[in-house]
Full PDB file with SEQRES, HELIX, SHEET, SSBOND, CRYST1, ORIGX, SCALE, CONECT and MASTER records, all heavy atoms in Angstrom:
SEQRES   1 A   43  LEU GLN LYS GLY GLY SER SER LEU ASP ALA VAL GLU ALA          
SEQRES   2 A   43  GLY ALA MET VAL PRO GLU ALA ASP PRO ALA ASP MET SER          
SEQRES   3 A   43  VAL GLY TYR GLY GLY LEU PRO ASP ARG ASP GLY LYS VAL          
SEQRES   4 A   43  THR LEU ASP ALA                                              
HELIX    1 AA1 SER A    7  GLU A   19  1                                  13    
CRYST1    1.000    1.000    1.000  90.00  90.00  90.00 P 1           1          
ORIGX1      1.000000  0.000000  0.000000        0.00000                         
ORIGX2      0.000000  1.000000  0.000000        0.00000                         
ORIGX3      0.000000  0.000000  1.000000        0.00000                         
SCALE1      1.000000  0.000000  0.000000        0.00000                         
SCALE2      0.000000  1.000000  0.000000        0.00000                         
SCALE3      0.000000  0.000000  1.000000        0.00000                         
ATOM      1  N   LEU A   1      15.032 -17.026  -4.769  1.00  0.00           N  
ATOM      2  CA  LEU A   1      15.049 -18.283  -5.510  1.00  0.00           C  
ATOM      3  C   LEU A   1      16.210 -19.168  -5.077  1.00  0.00           C  
ATOM      4  O   LEU A   1      16.069 -20.387  -4.930  1.00  0.00           O  
ATOM      5  CB  LEU A   1      15.134 -18.015  -7.010  1.00  0.00           C  
ATOM      6  CG  LEU A   1      13.918 -17.357  -7.666  1.00  0.00           C  
ATOM      7  CD1 LEU A   1      14.240 -16.963  -9.100  1.00  0.00           C  
ATOM      8  CD2 LEU A   1      12.707 -18.292  -7.625  1.00  0.00           C  
ATOM      9  N   GLN A   2      17.369 -18.558  -4.865  1.00  0.00           N  
ATOM     10  CA  GLN A   2      18.558 -19.314  -4.485  1.00  0.00           C  
ATOM     11  C   GLN A   2      18.427 -19.919  -3.095  1.00  0.00           C  
ATOM     12  O   GLN A   2      19.078 -20.921  -2.777  1.00  0.00           O  
ATOM     13  CB  GLN A   2      19.796 -18.416  -4.562  1.00  0.00           C  
ATOM     14  CG  GLN A   2      20.151 -17.978  -5.968  1.00  0.00           C  
ATOM     15  CD  GLN A   2      20.360 -19.157  -6.906  1.00  0.00           C  
ATOM     16  OE1 GLN A   2      21.282 -19.952  -6.721  1.00  0.00           O  
ATOM     17  NE2 GLN A   2      19.507 -19.278  -7.911  1.00  0.00           N  
ATOM     18  N   LYS A   3      17.608 -19.321  -2.266  1.00  0.00           N  
ATOM     19  CA  LYS A   3      17.379 -19.845  -0.921  1.00  0.00           C  
ATOM     20  C   LYS A   3      16.269 -20.891  -0.902  1.00  0.00           C  
ATOM     21  O   LYS A   3      15.856 -21.347   0.165  1.00  0.00           O  
ATOM     22  CB  LYS A   3      17.029 -18.699   0.027  1.00  0.00           C  
ATOM     23  CG  LYS A   3      18.188 -17.745   0.285  1.00  0.00           C  
ATOM     24  CD  LYS A   3      17.754 -16.595   1.186  1.00  0.00           C  
ATOM     25  CE  LYS A   3      18.896 -15.620   1.439  1.00  0.00           C  
ATOM     26  NZ  LYS A   3      18.454 -14.461   2.277  1.00  0.00           N  
ATOM     27  N   GLY A   4      15.786 -21.259  -2.078  1.00  0.00           N  
ATOM     28  CA  GLY A   4      14.737 -22.261  -2.164  1.00  0.00           C  
ATOM     29  C   GLY A   4      13.341 -21.696  -2.219  1.00  0.00           C  
ATOM     30  O   GLY A   4      12.355 -22.446  -2.153  1.00  0.00           O  
ATOM     31  N   GLY A   5      13.230 -20.382  -2.339  1.00  0.00           N  
ATOM     32  CA  GLY A   5      11.920 -19.764  -2.420  1.00  0.00           C  
ATOM     33  C   GLY A   5      11.207 -20.096  -3.720  1.00  0.00           C  
ATOM     34  O   GLY A   5      11.825 -20.436  -4.725  1.00  0.00           O  
ATOM     35  N   SER A   6       9.906 -20.002  -3.685  1.00  0.00           N  
ATOM     36  CA  SER A   6       9.096 -20.246  -4.877  1.00  0.00           C  
ATOM     37  C   SER A   6       9.118 -19.033  -5.791  1.00  0.00           C  
ATOM     38  O   SER A   6       9.578 -17.945  -5.415  1.00  0.00           O  
ATOM     39  CB  SER A   6       7.652 -20.544  -4.468  1.00  0.00           C  
ATOM     40  OG  SER A   6       7.063 -19.383  -3.895  1.00  0.00           O  
ATOM     41  N   SER A   7       8.592 -19.203  -6.978  1.00  0.00           N  
ATOM     42  CA  SER A   7       8.478 -18.063  -7.889  1.00  0.00           C  
ATOM     43  C   SER A   7       7.597 -16.984  -7.275  1.00  0.00           C  
ATOM     44  O   SER A   7       7.829 -15.789  -7.484  1.00  0.00           O  
ATOM     45  CB  SER A   7       7.919 -18.514  -9.242  1.00  0.00           C  
ATOM     46  OG  SER A   7       6.701 -19.232  -9.084  1.00  0.00           O  
ATOM     47  N   LEU A   8       6.603 -17.380  -6.489  1.00  0.00           N  
ATOM     48  CA  LEU A   8       5.740 -16.407  -5.819  1.00  0.00           C  
ATOM     49  C   LEU A   8       6.537 -15.601  -4.802  1.00  0.00           C  
ATOM     50  O   LEU A   8       6.401 -14.375  -4.725  1.00  0.00           O  
ATOM     51  CB  LEU A   8       4.574 -17.123  -5.136  1.00  0.00           C  
ATOM     52  CG  LEU A   8       3.491 -16.214  -4.551  1.00  0.00           C  
ATOM     53  CD1 LEU A   8       2.704 -15.526  -5.661  1.00  0.00           C  
ATOM     54  CD2 LEU A   8       2.551 -17.013  -3.650  1.00  0.00           C  
ATOM     55  N   ASP A   9       7.358 -16.277  -4.026  1.00  0.00           N  
ATOM     56  CA  ASP A   9       8.221 -15.580  -3.070  1.00  0.00           C  
ATOM     57  C   ASP A   9       9.131 -14.591  -3.792  1.00  0.00           C  
ATOM     58  O   ASP A   9       9.368 -13.478  -3.326  1.00  0.00           O  
ATOM     59  CB  ASP A   9       9.087 -16.574  -2.293  1.00  0.00           C  
ATOM     60  CG  ASP A   9       8.277 -17.521  -1.426  1.00  0.00           C  
ATOM     61  OD1 ASP A   9       7.219 -17.106  -0.927  1.00  0.00           O  
ATOM     62  OD2 ASP A   9       8.714 -18.676  -1.264  1.00  0.00           O  
ATOM     63  N   ALA A  10       9.655 -15.010  -4.940  1.00  0.00           N  
ATOM     64  CA  ALA A  10      10.617 -14.193  -5.683  1.00  0.00           C  
ATOM     65  C   ALA A  10       9.985 -12.918  -6.224  1.00  0.00           C  
ATOM     66  O   ALA A  10      10.570 -11.836  -6.129  1.00  0.00           O  
ATOM     67  CB  ALA A  10      11.228 -15.003  -6.820  1.00  0.00           C  
ATOM     68  N   VAL A  11       8.784 -13.031  -6.805  1.00  0.00           N  
ATOM     69  CA  VAL A  11       8.176 -11.821  -7.378  1.00  0.00           C  
ATOM     70  C   VAL A  11       7.740 -10.857  -6.282  1.00  0.00           C  
ATOM     71  O   VAL A  11       7.799  -9.639  -6.454  1.00  0.00           O  
ATOM     72  CB  VAL A  11       6.996 -12.145  -8.326  1.00  0.00           C  
ATOM     73  CG1 VAL A  11       7.485 -12.939  -9.530  1.00  0.00           C  
ATOM     74  CG2 VAL A  11       5.873 -12.892  -7.610  1.00  0.00           C  
ATOM     75  N   GLU A  12       7.313 -11.392  -5.137  1.00  0.00           N  
ATOM     76  CA  GLU A  12       6.979 -10.507  -4.024  1.00  0.00           C  
ATOM     77  C   GLU A  12       8.222  -9.781  -3.528  1.00  0.00           C  
ATOM     78  O   GLU A  12       8.204  -8.559  -3.318  1.00  0.00           O  
ATOM     79  CB  GLU A  12       6.356 -11.290  -2.873  1.00  0.00           C  
ATOM     80  CG  GLU A  12       5.979 -10.405  -1.686  1.00  0.00           C  
ATOM     81  CD  GLU A  12       5.473 -11.167  -0.481  1.00  0.00           C  
ATOM     82  OE1 GLU A  12       5.665 -12.399  -0.426  1.00  0.00           O  
ATOM     83  OE2 GLU A  12       4.893 -10.520   0.410  1.00  0.00           O  
ATOM     84  N   ALA A  13       9.311 -10.532  -3.360  1.00  0.00           N  
ATOM     85  CA  ALA A  13      10.560  -9.920  -2.895  1.00  0.00           C  
ATOM     86  C   ALA A  13      11.048  -8.858  -3.863  1.00  0.00           C  
ATOM     87  O   ALA A  13      11.515  -7.785  -3.464  1.00  0.00           O  
ATOM     88  CB  ALA A  13      11.627 -10.994  -2.705  1.00  0.00           C  
ATOM     89  N   GLY A  14      10.930  -9.146  -5.158  1.00  0.00           N  
ATOM     90  CA  GLY A  14      11.360  -8.179  -6.159  1.00  0.00           C  
ATOM     91  C   GLY A  14      10.517  -6.925  -6.155  1.00  0.00           C  
ATOM     92  O   GLY A  14      11.034  -5.802  -6.211  1.00  0.00           O  
ATOM     93  N   ALA A  15       9.201  -7.075  -6.054  1.00  0.00           N  
ATOM     94  CA  ALA A  15       8.301  -5.921  -6.075  1.00  0.00           C  
ATOM     95  C   ALA A  15       8.455  -5.055  -4.838  1.00  0.00           C  
ATOM     96  O   ALA A  15       8.255  -3.836  -4.888  1.00  0.00           O  
ATOM     97  CB  ALA A  15       6.856  -6.391  -6.208  1.00  0.00           C  
ATOM     98  N   MET A  16       8.818  -5.659  -3.732  1.00  0.00           N  
ATOM     99  CA  MET A  16       8.953  -4.902  -2.484  1.00  0.00           C  
ATOM    100  C   MET A  16      10.092  -3.888  -2.534  1.00  0.00           C  
ATOM    101  O   MET A  16      10.059  -2.882  -1.821  1.00  0.00           O  
ATOM    102  CB  MET A  16       9.174  -5.859  -1.307  1.00  0.00           C  
ATOM    103  CG  MET A  16       7.936  -6.657  -0.934  1.00  0.00           C  
ATOM    104  SD  MET A  16       8.270  -7.868   0.382  1.00  0.00           S  
ATOM    105  CE  MET A  16       8.492  -6.771   1.793  1.00  0.00           C  
ATOM    106  N   VAL A  17      11.079  -4.142  -3.381  1.00  0.00           N  
ATOM    107  CA  VAL A  17      12.232  -3.239  -3.443  1.00  0.00           C  
ATOM    108  C   VAL A  17      11.832  -1.840  -3.925  1.00  0.00           C  
ATOM    109  O   VAL A  17      12.074  -0.845  -3.228  1.00  0.00           O  
ATOM    110  CB  VAL A  17      13.356  -3.832  -4.306  1.00  0.00           C  
ATOM    111  CG1 VAL A  17      14.468  -2.814  -4.520  1.00  0.00           C  
ATOM    112  CG2 VAL A  17      13.912  -5.099  -3.658  1.00  0.00           C  
ATOM    113  N   PRO A  18      11.230  -1.699  -5.105  1.00  0.00           N  
ATOM    114  CA  PRO A  18      10.829  -0.344  -5.519  1.00  0.00           C  
ATOM    115  C   PRO A  18       9.720   0.235  -4.651  1.00  0.00           C  
ATOM    116  O   PRO A  18       9.607   1.460  -4.525  1.00  0.00           O  
ATOM    117  CB  PRO A  18      10.372  -0.533  -6.969  1.00  0.00           C  
ATOM    118  CG  PRO A  18      10.031  -1.977  -7.080  1.00  0.00           C  
ATOM    119  CD  PRO A  18      10.977  -2.685  -6.171  1.00  0.00           C  
ATOM    120  N   GLU A  19       8.893  -0.612  -4.058  1.00  0.00           N  
ATOM    121  CA  GLU A  19       7.831  -0.102  -3.184  1.00  0.00           C  
ATOM    122  C   GLU A  19       8.412   0.682  -2.007  1.00  0.00           C  
ATOM    123  O   GLU A  19       7.784   1.627  -1.527  1.00  0.00           O  
ATOM    124  CB  GLU A  19       6.982  -1.265  -2.651  1.00  0.00           C  
ATOM    125  CG  GLU A  19       6.030  -1.851  -3.671  1.00  0.00           C  
ATOM    126  CD  GLU A  19       5.172  -2.962  -3.105  1.00  0.00           C  
ATOM    127  OE1 GLU A  19       5.562  -3.553  -2.063  1.00  0.00           O  
ATOM    128  OE2 GLU A  19       4.110  -3.250  -3.696  1.00  0.00           O  
ATOM    129  N   ALA A  20       9.583   0.279  -1.546  1.00  0.00           N  
ATOM    130  CA  ALA A  20      10.185   0.927  -0.375  1.00  0.00           C  
ATOM    131  C   ALA A  20      11.262   1.933  -0.734  1.00  0.00           C  
ATOM    132  O   ALA A  20      11.901   2.501   0.149  1.00  0.00           O  
ATOM    133  CB  ALA A  20      10.777  -0.142   0.548  1.00  0.00           C  
ATOM    134  N   ASP A  21      11.455   2.182  -2.033  1.00  0.00           N  
ATOM    135  CA  ASP A  21      12.524   3.061  -2.497  1.00  0.00           C  
ATOM    136  C   ASP A  21      11.990   4.474  -2.747  1.00  0.00           C  
ATOM    137  O   ASP A  21      11.260   4.695  -3.714  1.00  0.00           O  
ATOM    138  CB  ASP A  21      13.136   2.490  -3.777  1.00  0.00           C  
ATOM    139  CG  ASP A  21      14.312   3.302  -4.279  1.00  0.00           C  
ATOM    140  OD1 ASP A  21      14.663   4.325  -3.635  1.00  0.00           O  
ATOM    141  OD2 ASP A  21      14.894   2.920  -5.312  1.00  0.00           O  
ATOM    142  N   PRO A  22      12.361   5.454  -1.938  1.00  0.00           N  
ATOM    143  CA  PRO A  22      11.850   6.814  -2.134  1.00  0.00           C  
ATOM    144  C   PRO A  22      12.351   7.465  -3.414  1.00  0.00           C  
ATOM    145  O   PRO A  22      11.786   8.457  -3.863  1.00  0.00           O  
ATOM    146  CB  PRO A  22      12.358   7.562  -0.898  1.00  0.00           C  
ATOM    147  CG  PRO A  22      13.562   6.799  -0.459  1.00  0.00           C  
ATOM    148  CD  PRO A  22      13.251   5.367  -0.762  1.00  0.00           C  
ATOM    149  N   ALA A  23      13.400   6.890  -4.009  1.00  0.00           N  
ATOM    150  CA  ALA A  23      13.916   7.446  -5.265  1.00  0.00           C  
ATOM    151  C   ALA A  23      13.046   7.045  -6.448  1.00  0.00           C  
ATOM    152  O   ALA A  23      13.115   7.656  -7.511  1.00  0.00           O  
ATOM    153  CB  ALA A  23      15.357   6.980  -5.493  1.00  0.00           C  
ATOM    154  N   ASP A  24      12.244   6.008  -6.280  1.00  0.00           N  
ATOM    155  CA  ASP A  24      11.334   5.563  -7.339  1.00  0.00           C  
ATOM    156  C   ASP A  24      10.002   6.261  -7.123  1.00  0.00           C  
ATOM    157  O   ASP A  24       9.229   5.898  -6.239  1.00  0.00           O  
ATOM    158  CB  ASP A  24      11.165   4.049  -7.292  1.00  0.00           C  
ATOM    159  CG  ASP A  24      10.417   3.510  -8.497  1.00  0.00           C  
ATOM    160  OD1 ASP A  24       9.563   4.244  -9.037  1.00  0.00           O  
ATOM    161  OD2 ASP A  24      10.694   2.373  -8.903  1.00  0.00           O  
ATOM    162  N   MET A  25       9.735   7.276  -7.919  1.00  0.00           N  
ATOM    163  CA  MET A  25       8.577   8.118  -7.687  1.00  0.00           C  
ATOM    164  C   MET A  25       7.324   7.647  -8.412  1.00  0.00           C  
ATOM    165  O   MET A  25       6.365   8.403  -8.610  1.00  0.00           O  
ATOM    166  CB  MET A  25       8.894   9.568  -8.054  1.00  0.00           C  
ATOM    167  CG  MET A  25      10.115  10.103  -7.315  1.00  0.00           C  
ATOM    168  SD  MET A  25      10.323  11.885  -7.430  1.00  0.00           S  
ATOM    169  CE  MET A  25       9.074  12.427  -6.245  1.00  0.00           C  
ATOM    170  N   SER A  26       7.316   6.358  -8.791  1.00  0.00           N  
ATOM    171  CA  SER A  26       6.138   5.825  -9.455  1.00  0.00           C  
ATOM    172  C   SER A  26       5.568   4.621  -8.724  1.00  0.00           C  
ATOM    173  O   SER A  26       4.571   4.062  -9.146  1.00  0.00           O  
ATOM    174  CB  SER A  26       6.486   5.414 -10.889  1.00  0.00           C  
ATOM    175  OG  SER A  26       7.429   4.360 -10.880  1.00  0.00           O  
ATOM    176  N   VAL A  27       6.225   4.230  -7.638  1.00  0.00           N  
ATOM    177  CA  VAL A  27       5.796   3.042  -6.905  1.00  0.00           C  
ATOM    178  C   VAL A  27       5.920   3.281  -5.405  1.00  0.00           C  
ATOM    179  O   VAL A  27       6.972   3.701  -4.929  1.00  0.00           O  
ATOM    180  CB  VAL A  27       6.654   1.817  -7.284  1.00  0.00           C  
ATOM    181  CG1 VAL A  27       6.199   0.591  -6.495  1.00  0.00           C  
ATOM    182  CG2 VAL A  27       6.575   1.544  -8.776  1.00  0.00           C  
ATOM    183  N   GLY A  28       4.861   3.039  -4.661  1.00  0.00           N  
ATOM    184  CA  GLY A  28       4.931   2.984  -3.210  1.00  0.00           C  
ATOM    185  C   GLY A  28       5.456   4.233  -2.525  1.00  0.00           C  
ATOM    186  O   GLY A  28       5.122   5.371  -2.884  1.00  0.00           O  
ATOM    187  N   TYR A  29       6.313   4.025  -1.536  1.00  0.00           N  
ATOM    188  CA  TYR A  29       6.882   5.098  -0.742  1.00  0.00           C  
ATOM    189  C   TYR A  29       7.660   6.061  -1.642  1.00  0.00           C  
ATOM    190  O   TYR A  29       8.571   5.658  -2.362  1.00  0.00           O  
ATOM    191  CB  TYR A  29       7.815   4.500   0.310  1.00  0.00           C  
ATOM    192  CG  TYR A  29       8.497   5.500   1.205  1.00  0.00           C  
ATOM    193  CD1 TYR A  29       7.758   6.351   2.014  1.00  0.00           C  
ATOM    194  CD2 TYR A  29       9.887   5.577   1.250  1.00  0.00           C  
ATOM    195  CE1 TYR A  29       8.378   7.264   2.855  1.00  0.00           C  
ATOM    196  CE2 TYR A  29      10.525   6.486   2.081  1.00  0.00           C  
ATOM    197  CZ  TYR A  29       9.771   7.321   2.879  1.00  0.00           C  
ATOM    198  OH  TYR A  29      10.392   8.224   3.698  1.00  0.00           O  
ATOM    199  N   GLY A  30       7.281   7.315  -1.622  1.00  0.00           N  
ATOM    200  CA  GLY A  30       7.920   8.298  -2.493  1.00  0.00           C  
ATOM    201  C   GLY A  30       7.217   8.492  -3.811  1.00  0.00           C  
ATOM    202  O   GLY A  30       7.609   9.339  -4.614  1.00  0.00           O  
ATOM    203  N   GLY A  31       6.155   7.727  -4.052  1.00  0.00           N  
ATOM    204  CA  GLY A  31       5.414   7.854  -5.301  1.00  0.00           C  
ATOM    205  C   GLY A  31       4.758   9.215  -5.440  1.00  0.00           C  
ATOM    206  O   GLY A  31       4.359   9.843  -4.446  1.00  0.00           O  
ATOM    207  N   LEU A  32       4.644   9.686  -6.679  1.00  0.00           N  
ATOM    208  CA  LEU A  32       3.956  10.957  -6.907  1.00  0.00           C  
ATOM    209  C   LEU A  32       2.468  10.802  -6.612  1.00  0.00           C  
ATOM    210  O   LEU A  32       1.868   9.788  -6.965  1.00  0.00           O  
ATOM    211  CB  LEU A  32       4.178  11.416  -8.347  1.00  0.00           C  
ATOM    212  CG  LEU A  32       5.614  11.832  -8.683  1.00  0.00           C  
ATOM    213  CD1 LEU A  32       5.779  12.052 -10.180  1.00  0.00           C  
ATOM    214  CD2 LEU A  32       6.013  13.096  -7.917  1.00  0.00           C  
ATOM    215  N   PRO A  33       1.864  11.781  -5.984  1.00  0.00           N  
ATOM    216  CA  PRO A  33       0.470  11.656  -5.560  1.00  0.00           C  
ATOM    217  C   PRO A  33      -0.525  11.911  -6.683  1.00  0.00           C  
ATOM    218  O   PRO A  33      -0.150  12.267  -7.806  1.00  0.00           O  
ATOM    219  CB  PRO A  33       0.364  12.746  -4.498  1.00  0.00           C  
ATOM    220  CG  PRO A  33       1.289  13.815  -4.996  1.00  0.00           C  
ATOM    221  CD  PRO A  33       2.465  13.056  -5.576  1.00  0.00           C  
ATOM    222  N   ASP A  34      -1.810  11.760  -6.333  1.00  0.00           N  
ATOM    223  CA  ASP A  34      -2.865  12.128  -7.275  1.00  0.00           C  
ATOM    224  C   ASP A  34      -3.079  13.638  -7.196  1.00  0.00           C  
ATOM    225  O   ASP A  34      -2.352  14.350  -6.500  1.00  0.00           O  
ATOM    226  CB  ASP A  34      -4.144  11.333  -7.003  1.00  0.00           C  
ATOM    227  CG  ASP A  34      -4.735  11.584  -5.616  1.00  0.00           C  
ATOM    228  OD1 ASP A  34      -4.453  12.648  -5.016  1.00  0.00           O  
ATOM    229  OD2 ASP A  34      -5.485  10.727  -5.123  1.00  0.00           O  
ATOM    230  N   ARG A  35      -4.086  14.134  -7.879  1.00  0.00           N  
ATOM    231  CA  ARG A  35      -4.257  15.590  -7.954  1.00  0.00           C  
ATOM    232  C   ARG A  35      -4.647  16.206  -6.614  1.00  0.00           C  
ATOM    233  O   ARG A  35      -4.525  17.414  -6.418  1.00  0.00           O  
ATOM    234  CB  ARG A  35      -5.301  15.933  -9.009  1.00  0.00           C  
ATOM    235  CG  ARG A  35      -6.723  15.537  -8.678  1.00  0.00           C  
ATOM    236  CD  ARG A  35      -7.664  15.954  -9.798  1.00  0.00           C  
ATOM    237  NE  ARG A  35      -9.051  15.702  -9.447  1.00  0.00           N  
ATOM    238  CZ  ARG A  35     -10.074  15.924 -10.276  1.00  0.00           C  
ATOM    239  NH1 ARG A  35      -9.833  16.401 -11.494  1.00  0.00           N  
ATOM    240  NH2 ARG A  35     -11.305  15.678  -9.901  1.00  0.00           N  
ATOM    241  N   ASP A  36      -5.105  15.351  -5.679  1.00  0.00           N  
ATOM    242  CA  ASP A  36      -5.459  15.839  -4.347  1.00  0.00           C  
ATOM    243  C   ASP A  36      -4.320  15.672  -3.352  1.00  0.00           C  
ATOM    244  O   ASP A  36      -4.511  15.915  -2.146  1.00  0.00           O  
ATOM    245  CB  ASP A  36      -6.690  15.093  -3.831  1.00  0.00           C  
ATOM    246  CG  ASP A  36      -7.941  15.426  -4.634  1.00  0.00           C  
ATOM    247  OD1 ASP A  36      -7.910  16.401  -5.410  1.00  0.00           O  
ATOM    248  OD2 ASP A  36      -8.952  14.717  -4.483  1.00  0.00           O  
ATOM    249  N   GLY A  37      -3.164  15.249  -3.827  1.00  0.00           N  
ATOM    250  CA  GLY A  37      -2.017  15.086  -2.944  1.00  0.00           C  
ATOM    251  C   GLY A  37      -1.993  13.784  -2.177  1.00  0.00           C  
ATOM    252  O   GLY A  37      -1.254  13.644  -1.200  1.00  0.00           O  
ATOM    253  N   LYS A  38      -2.774  12.800  -2.616  1.00  0.00           N  
ATOM    254  CA  LYS A  38      -2.834  11.502  -1.962  1.00  0.00           C  
ATOM    255  C   LYS A  38      -2.040  10.464  -2.759  1.00  0.00           C  
ATOM    256  O   LYS A  38      -2.191  10.378  -3.976  1.00  0.00           O  
ATOM    257  CB  LYS A  38      -4.283  11.019  -1.835  1.00  0.00           C  
ATOM    258  CG  LYS A  38      -5.215  12.005  -1.138  1.00  0.00           C  
ATOM    259  CD  LYS A  38      -4.924  12.107   0.337  1.00  0.00           C  
ATOM    260  CE  LYS A  38      -5.966  12.973   1.034  1.00  0.00           C  
ATOM    261  NZ  LYS A  38      -5.705  13.092   2.497  1.00  0.00           N  
ATOM    262  N   VAL A  39      -1.199   9.692  -2.064  1.00  0.00           N  
ATOM    263  CA  VAL A  39      -0.493   8.578  -2.705  1.00  0.00           C  
ATOM    264  C   VAL A  39      -1.364   7.341  -2.573  1.00  0.00           C  
ATOM    265  O   VAL A  39      -1.578   6.826  -1.470  1.00  0.00           O  
ATOM    266  CB  VAL A  39       0.876   8.324  -2.048  1.00  0.00           C  
ATOM    267  CG1 VAL A  39       1.578   7.149  -2.727  1.00  0.00           C  
ATOM    268  CG2 VAL A  39       1.744   9.574  -2.134  1.00  0.00           C  
ATOM    269  N   THR A  40      -1.902   6.880  -3.692  1.00  0.00           N  
ATOM    270  CA  THR A  40      -2.770   5.700  -3.682  1.00  0.00           C  
ATOM    271  C   THR A  40      -2.121   4.596  -4.499  1.00  0.00           C  
ATOM    272  O   THR A  40      -1.579   4.839  -5.580  1.00  0.00           O  
ATOM    273  CB  THR A  40      -4.170   6.023  -4.236  1.00  0.00           C  
ATOM    274  OG1 THR A  40      -4.079   6.405  -5.604  1.00  0.00           O  
ATOM    275  CG2 THR A  40      -4.814   7.150  -3.433  1.00  0.00           C  
ATOM    276  N   LEU A  41      -2.197   3.384  -4.002  1.00  0.00           N  
ATOM    277  CA  LEU A  41      -1.429   2.280  -4.541  1.00  0.00           C  
ATOM    278  C   LEU A  41      -2.308   1.154  -5.083  1.00  0.00           C  
ATOM    279  O   LEU A  41      -3.385   0.871  -4.541  1.00  0.00           O  
ATOM    280  CB  LEU A  41      -0.517   1.714  -3.454  1.00  0.00           C  
ATOM    281  CG  LEU A  41       0.335   2.735  -2.681  1.00  0.00           C  
ATOM    282  CD1 LEU A  41       1.110   2.048  -1.575  1.00  0.00           C  
ATOM    283  CD2 LEU A  41       1.272   3.461  -3.626  1.00  0.00           C  
ATOM    284  N   ASP A  42      -1.814   0.512  -6.130  1.00  0.00           N  
ATOM    285  CA  ASP A  42      -2.467  -0.651  -6.727  1.00  0.00           C  
ATOM    286  C   ASP A  42      -1.431  -1.757  -6.891  1.00  0.00           C  
ATOM    287  O   ASP A  42      -0.276  -1.480  -7.233  1.00  0.00           O  
ATOM    288  CB  ASP A  42      -3.027  -0.327  -8.120  1.00  0.00           C  
ATOM    289  CG  ASP A  42      -3.984   0.858  -8.133  1.00  0.00           C  
ATOM    290  OD1 ASP A  42      -4.744   1.005  -7.165  1.00  0.00           O  
ATOM    291  OD2 ASP A  42      -3.958   1.614  -9.118  1.00  0.00           O  
ATOM    292  N   ALA A  43      -1.839  -3.000  -6.683  1.00  0.00           N  
ATOM    293  CA  ALA A  43      -0.908  -4.112  -6.866  1.00  0.00           C  
ATOM    294  C   ALA A  43      -1.675  -5.414  -7.048  1.00  0.00           C  
ATOM    295  O   ALA A  43      -2.809  -5.559  -6.562  1.00  0.00           O  
ATOM    296  CB  ALA A  43       0.034  -4.237  -5.670  1.00  0.00           C  
TER     297      ALA A  43                                                      
MASTER        0    0    0    1    0    0    0    6  296    1    0    4          
END                                                                             
């Protein structure tokens, strides 16, 4: 936002952080899998 980005740019940038964080086991990379061991994502 401070760089002049839109609100759309801001929410995408914000969401990308936990998506790439292996310590966050509920989103994206590092997420806990389904019962078959597959990590499936919704957004």
